[in-house]
Protein backbone atom coordinates (compact mmCIF):
# COMPACT_ATOMS: atom_id res chain seq x y z
CA UNK A 1 -0.06 -0.06 0.07
CA UNK A 2 1.37 3.37 -1.22
CA UNK A 3 1.78 5.91 1.75
CA UNK A 4 -0.17 8.74 2.29
CA UNK A 5 0.11 12.15 1.38
CA UNK A 6 1.02 14.65 4.32
CA UNK A 7 -2.26 17.02 5.14
CA UNK A 8 -0.92 20.26 4.21
CA UNK A 9 -2.99 23.71 5.18
CA UNK A 10 -3.36 26.83 3.14
CA UNK A 11 -2.36 30.47 4.52
CA UNK A 12 -6.15 31.08 5.29
CA UNK A 13 -6.50 27.84 7.38
CA UNK A 14 -3.29 28.43 9.03
CA UNK A 15 -4.59 31.67 10.18
CA UNK A 16 -8.19 30.05 11.14
CA UNK A 17 -6.28 27.41 13.28
CA UNK A 18 -3.99 29.85 14.89
CA UNK A 19 -7.19 32.45 15.50
CA UNK A 20 -4.88 34.94 13.81
CA UNK A 21 -6.29 37.77 11.40
CA UNK A 22 -4.68 37.96 7.90
CA UNK A 23 -2.68 41.26 8.93
CA UNK A 24 -1.16 39.20 11.78
CA UNK A 25 0.28 36.56 9.78
CA UNK A 26 1.63 39.37 6.88
CA UNK A 27 3.34 41.01 10.09
CA UNK A 28 4.87 37.82 11.45
CA UNK A 29 6.12 37.05 7.55
CA UNK A 30 7.78 40.95 7.20
CA UNK A 31 9.63 40.14 10.69
CA UNK A 32 10.73 36.63 9.55
CA UNK A 33 8.41 35.17 12.46
CA UNK A 34 6.03 33.28 10.51
CA UNK A 35 6.70 29.30 10.17
CA UNK A 36 8.18 28.32 6.74
CA UNK A 37 5.88 26.53 4.33
CA UNK A 38 6.21 22.99 3.45
CA UNK A 39 5.56 23.94 -0.54
CA UNK A 40 6.44 27.25 -1.67
CA UNK A 41 4.20 29.16 -4.15
CA UNK A 42 5.33 28.29 -7.75
CA UNK A 43 3.73 29.01 -11.21
CA UNK A 44 0.59 30.75 -9.60
CA UNK A 45 0.10 28.39 -6.83
CA UNK A 46 -0.02 28.95 -3.09
CA UNK A 47 1.95 28.27 -0.40
CA UNK A 48 1.25 25.21 1.96
CA UNK A 49 2.27 24.60 5.52
CA UNK A 50 2.19 21.15 7.57
CA UNK A 51 0.88 20.07 10.89
CA UNK A 52 4.06 21.40 12.40
CA UNK A 53 3.89 24.89 11.16
CA UNK A 54 0.22 24.95 12.36
CA UNK A 55 1.16 24.02 15.86
CA UNK A 56 3.92 26.51 15.84
CA UNK A 57 1.51 29.63 14.72
CA UNK A 58 -0.96 28.30 17.15
CA UNK A 59 1.30 28.71 20.06
CA UNK A 60 2.54 32.14 18.86
CA UNK A 61 -1.55 33.14 18.46
CA UNK A 62 -2.06 31.73 21.87
CA UNK A 63 0.84 33.82 23.55
CA UNK A 64 -0.52 36.83 21.32
CA UNK A 65 -3.94 36.84 22.93
CA UNK A 66 -2.07 37.19 26.36
CA UNK A 67 0.55 39.47 25.38
CA UNK A 68 0.90 43.42 24.34
CA UNK A 69 2.23 42.89 20.94
CA UNK A 70 2.26 40.61 18.22
CA UNK A 71 6.24 41.00 18.09
CA UNK A 72 6.82 40.14 21.31
CA UNK A 73 4.30 36.79 21.32
CA UNK A 74 6.07 36.09 17.68
CA UNK A 75 9.76 36.15 19.49
CA UNK A 76 8.62 34.49 22.90
CA UNK A 77 6.57 32.07 21.00
CA UNK A 78 9.48 30.82 18.49
CA UNK A 79 12.09 31.11 21.66
CA UNK A 80 10.15 28.47 23.52
CA UNK A 81 9.06 26.55 21.05
CA UNK A 82 12.70 26.12 19.65
CA UNK A 83 13.99 25.19 23.22
CA UNK A 84 10.96 22.75 23.35
CA UNK A 85 11.47 21.16 20.15
CA UNK A 86 15.33 20.70 20.71
CA UNK A 87 14.50 18.73 23.97
CA UNK A 88 11.75 16.75 22.77
CA UNK A 89 11.33 16.74 19.28
CA UNK A 90 8.00 18.57 18.64
CA UNK A 91 5.11 20.52 20.21
CA UNK A 92 2.86 18.18 21.98
CA UNK A 93 -0.86 18.17 21.11
CA UNK A 94 -1.36 15.60 23.70
CA UNK A 95 -3.90 13.64 21.33
CA UNK A 96 -1.70 10.46 21.78
CA UNK A 97 -2.86 10.58 25.69
CA UNK A 98 -6.52 9.94 24.54
CA UNK A 99 -5.57 6.08 25.12
CA UNK A 100 -9.18 5.17 24.36
CA UNK A 101 -8.95 5.66 21.02
CA UNK A 102 -6.48 3.39 20.13
CA UNK A 103 -8.74 0.44 19.72
CA UNK A 104 -10.14 2.39 16.87
CA UNK A 105 -7.25 2.56 15.12
CA UNK A 106 -6.21 0.78 11.83
CA UNK A 107 -2.69 -1.10 11.37
CA UNK A 108 -2.26 1.55 8.83
CA UNK A 109 -2.78 4.27 11.12
CA UNK A 110 -0.78 2.81 13.45
CA UNK A 111 2.07 2.53 11.13
CA UNK A 112 2.30 6.01 10.60
CA UNK A 113 4.56 8.71 12.04
CA UNK A 114 4.95 12.21 12.60
CA UNK A 115 2.15 14.83 10.95
CA UNK A 116 0.30 12.20 9.45
CA UNK A 117 -0.40 10.08 12.82
CA UNK A 118 -0.99 12.97 14.47
CA UNK A 119 -3.90 14.26 12.13
CA UNK A 120 -5.38 10.88 11.48
CA UNK A 121 -5.31 10.52 15.33
CA UNK A 122 -7.45 13.57 15.47
CA UNK A 123 -9.84 12.59 12.84
CA UNK A 124 -10.59 9.14 14.22
CA UNK A 125 -10.92 11.42 17.90
CA UNK A 126 -13.40 13.39 16.11
CA UNK A 127 -15.36 10.26 15.26
CA UNK A 128 -15.77 9.52 18.92
CA UNK A 129 -17.06 12.42 21.27
CA UNK A 130 -17.61 10.05 24.06
CA UNK A 131 -13.57 10.40 24.11
CA UNK A 132 -12.70 13.77 22.83
CA UNK A 133 -14.55 17.05 23.12
CA UNK A 134 -12.94 20.18 21.74
CA UNK A 135 -11.95 22.97 23.76
CA UNK A 136 -11.02 20.90 26.76
CA UNK A 137 -7.72 21.46 28.51
CA UNK A 138 -5.96 18.18 29.98
CA UNK A 139 -3.82 18.38 33.72
CA UNK A 140 -1.17 17.15 31.40
CA UNK A 141 -1.09 19.74 28.51
CA UNK A 142 2.05 21.65 28.11
CA UNK A 143 1.80 24.99 29.25
CA UNK A 144 3.67 28.29 29.17
CA UNK A 145 3.86 30.70 32.31
CA UNK A 146 5.11 34.08 32.22
CA UNK A 147 5.29 35.32 35.32
CA UNK A 148 5.59 39.03 36.63
CA UNK A 149 6.65 39.76 32.96
CA UNK A 150 9.98 38.35 33.80
CA UNK A 151 10.40 34.95 34.13
CA UNK A 152 9.02 32.08 31.63
CA UNK A 153 8.15 28.63 33.08
CA UNK A 154 7.27 26.10 31.25
CA UNK A 155 5.91 22.17 31.58
CA UNK A 156 2.78 20.03 32.47
CA UNK A 157 1.07 20.95 35.70
CA UNK A 158 1.03 17.00 36.35
CA UNK A 159 4.67 16.80 36.14
CA UNK A 160 6.75 16.04 39.23
CA UNK A 161 8.60 18.95 40.45
CA UNK A 162 12.15 19.90 38.99
CA UNK A 163 14.76 19.67 41.32
CA UNK A 164 16.80 22.57 41.71
CA UNK A 165 20.64 22.03 40.65
CA UNK A 166 21.63 24.79 43.01
CA UNK A 167 19.74 23.38 46.25
CA UNK A 168 17.08 25.82 45.94
CA UNK A 169 14.60 23.06 46.58
CA UNK A 170 11.76 22.40 43.97
CA UNK A 171 10.57 24.16 41.05
CA UNK A 172 7.14 23.58 40.12
CA UNK A 173 8.06 24.16 36.02
CA UNK A 174 11.09 24.22 34.43
CA UNK A 175 12.87 28.08 34.11
CA UNK A 176 13.55 28.51 30.58
CA UNK A 177 13.86 32.21 29.82
CA UNK A 178 14.27 35.46 31.39
CA UNK A 179 12.90 38.74 29.96
CA UNK A 180 14.23 42.31 30.26
CA UNK A 181 12.63 45.44 29.56
CA UNK A 182 8.89 44.68 29.60
CA UNK A 183 7.88 47.30 32.03
CA UNK A 184 4.61 49.83 31.88
CA UNK A 185 4.56 51.37 28.64
CA UNK A 186 7.63 49.80 27.14
CA UNK A 187 7.33 49.06 23.43
CA UNK A 188 8.14 45.61 22.14
CA UNK A 189 11.51 46.69 20.96
CA UNK A 190 13.05 47.24 24.10
CA UNK A 191 12.21 43.59 25.32
CA UNK A 192 14.97 41.35 25.20
CA UNK A 193 14.44 37.33 25.67
CA UNK A 194 17.31 35.50 27.29
CA UNK A 195 17.86 32.05 27.71
CA UNK A 196 19.17 30.74 30.90
CA UNK A 197 22.76 30.22 29.22
CA UNK A 198 22.81 33.90 28.50
CA UNK A 199 21.63 34.79 31.95
CA UNK A 200 23.94 32.26 34.16
CA UNK A 201 27.63 33.45 34.48
CA UNK A 202 30.38 31.51 32.73
CA UNK A 203 31.54 28.49 35.12
CA UNK A 204 28.01 28.31 36.78
CA UNK A 205 28.41 24.43 36.91
CA UNK A 206 31.59 24.80 39.35
CA UNK A 207 31.40 25.65 43.04
CA UNK A 208 32.43 29.05 43.79
CA UNK A 209 31.56 32.81 43.19
CA UNK A 210 29.66 31.94 39.44
CA UNK A 211 27.60 29.27 41.07
CA UNK A 212 26.56 31.28 43.95
CA UNK A 213 25.37 33.79 41.26
CA UNK A 214 23.65 31.41 39.35
CA UNK A 215 21.98 30.32 42.54
CA UNK A 216 20.70 33.62 43.26
CA UNK A 217 19.16 34.03 39.90
CA UNK A 218 17.46 30.81 40.31
CA UNK A 219 16.09 31.80 43.80
CA UNK A 220 14.62 35.05 42.78
CA UNK A 221 12.63 33.35 40.00
CA UNK A 222 11.43 30.47 42.24
CA UNK A 223 10.40 33.31 44.77
CA UNK A 224 8.65 35.34 41.93
CA UNK A 225 6.66 31.95 40.95
CA UNK A 226 5.53 31.55 44.81
CA UNK A 227 4.67 35.34 45.35
CA UNK A 228 3.86 36.33 41.97
CA UNK A 229 1.81 39.60 41.21
CA UNK A 230 0.53 38.54 37.81
CA UNK A 231 1.03 34.89 35.95
CA UNK A 232 0.19 34.84 32.37
CA UNK A 233 -0.74 31.03 31.30
CA UNK A 234 -0.67 29.61 27.95
CA UNK A 235 -2.23 26.20 27.38
CA UNK A 236 -0.04 25.23 24.17
CA UNK A 237 -1.24 21.68 23.81
CA UNK A 238 -4.97 23.09 23.88
CA UNK A 239 -4.06 26.00 21.21
CA UNK A 240 -2.75 23.08 18.92
CA UNK A 241 -5.98 20.86 19.55
CA UNK A 242 -8.01 24.01 19.17
CA UNK A 243 -6.31 24.57 15.72
CA UNK A 244 -7.00 21.15 14.34
CA UNK A 245 -10.67 21.28 15.36
CA UNK A 246 -11.34 24.73 13.54
CA UNK A 247 -9.69 23.40 10.73
CA UNK A 248 -11.55 19.86 10.61
CA UNK A 249 -14.92 21.90 11.11
CA UNK A 250 -14.35 24.22 8.19
CA UNK A 251 -13.28 21.41 5.76
CA UNK A 252 -16.28 19.21 7.27
CA UNK A 253 -18.85 21.86 7.00
CA UNK A 254 -19.44 21.43 10.80
CA UNK A 255 -21.15 24.53 12.55
CA UNK A 256 -18.45 25.43 15.18
CA UNK A 257 -20.05 24.62 18.56
CA UNK A 258 -17.22 25.25 20.79
CA UNK A 259 -15.15 28.30 21.75
CA UNK A 260 -12.71 29.38 19.12
CA UNK A 261 -11.93 33.11 20.75
């Protein structure tokens, strides 16, 4: 049996899935923050994007819904996505955790990989509302938290807490980034996003002054989490599932009866 062709999405579907207006995606393209298409436009055709690109833009769209600027959302989204993908391979929709659906998969379904199995799994789930309901969060969804406009944590709230490498006790999630310049009235251009490798001093793994500095940085982040004034939370996994659902409904002429805001 010949392999299934990958499912690809138009620009309009990408915008629908991510919940972004056309002018927003055009801005992201100009700024170099838009995922690259799987197929470029040739001979009057149109560019097409794969499911990974849809997932990336969905996370950016979710961050934008809670951030002051599209530029910040694009830069922060791409930074978090790059960090996660480098460690774990792909952004998690968590569709694979609806284990009750596996009894309905064919052998052909089970042999597929990557985008193809992800989207066929979603299609099977939409046929079984007793297992899957759109717009419903899960405890094991991958989430991004921005604490006091300063610290970016990520992970699943169901995870076992992370142990601090510096003896600061347990952290609820992984500390990934530090944001500078996000003050009241500050423009997006004044905001910088730094990974931990850019914040911690050289030699922080060795005992001594540098490690004391690193320990203090982490301690401030943990204290901010525990005593935060504000936390912006983004459910990245749900944003991806919502994107799949919006496009599924559009392609199948289903009246949208779930939240797509």
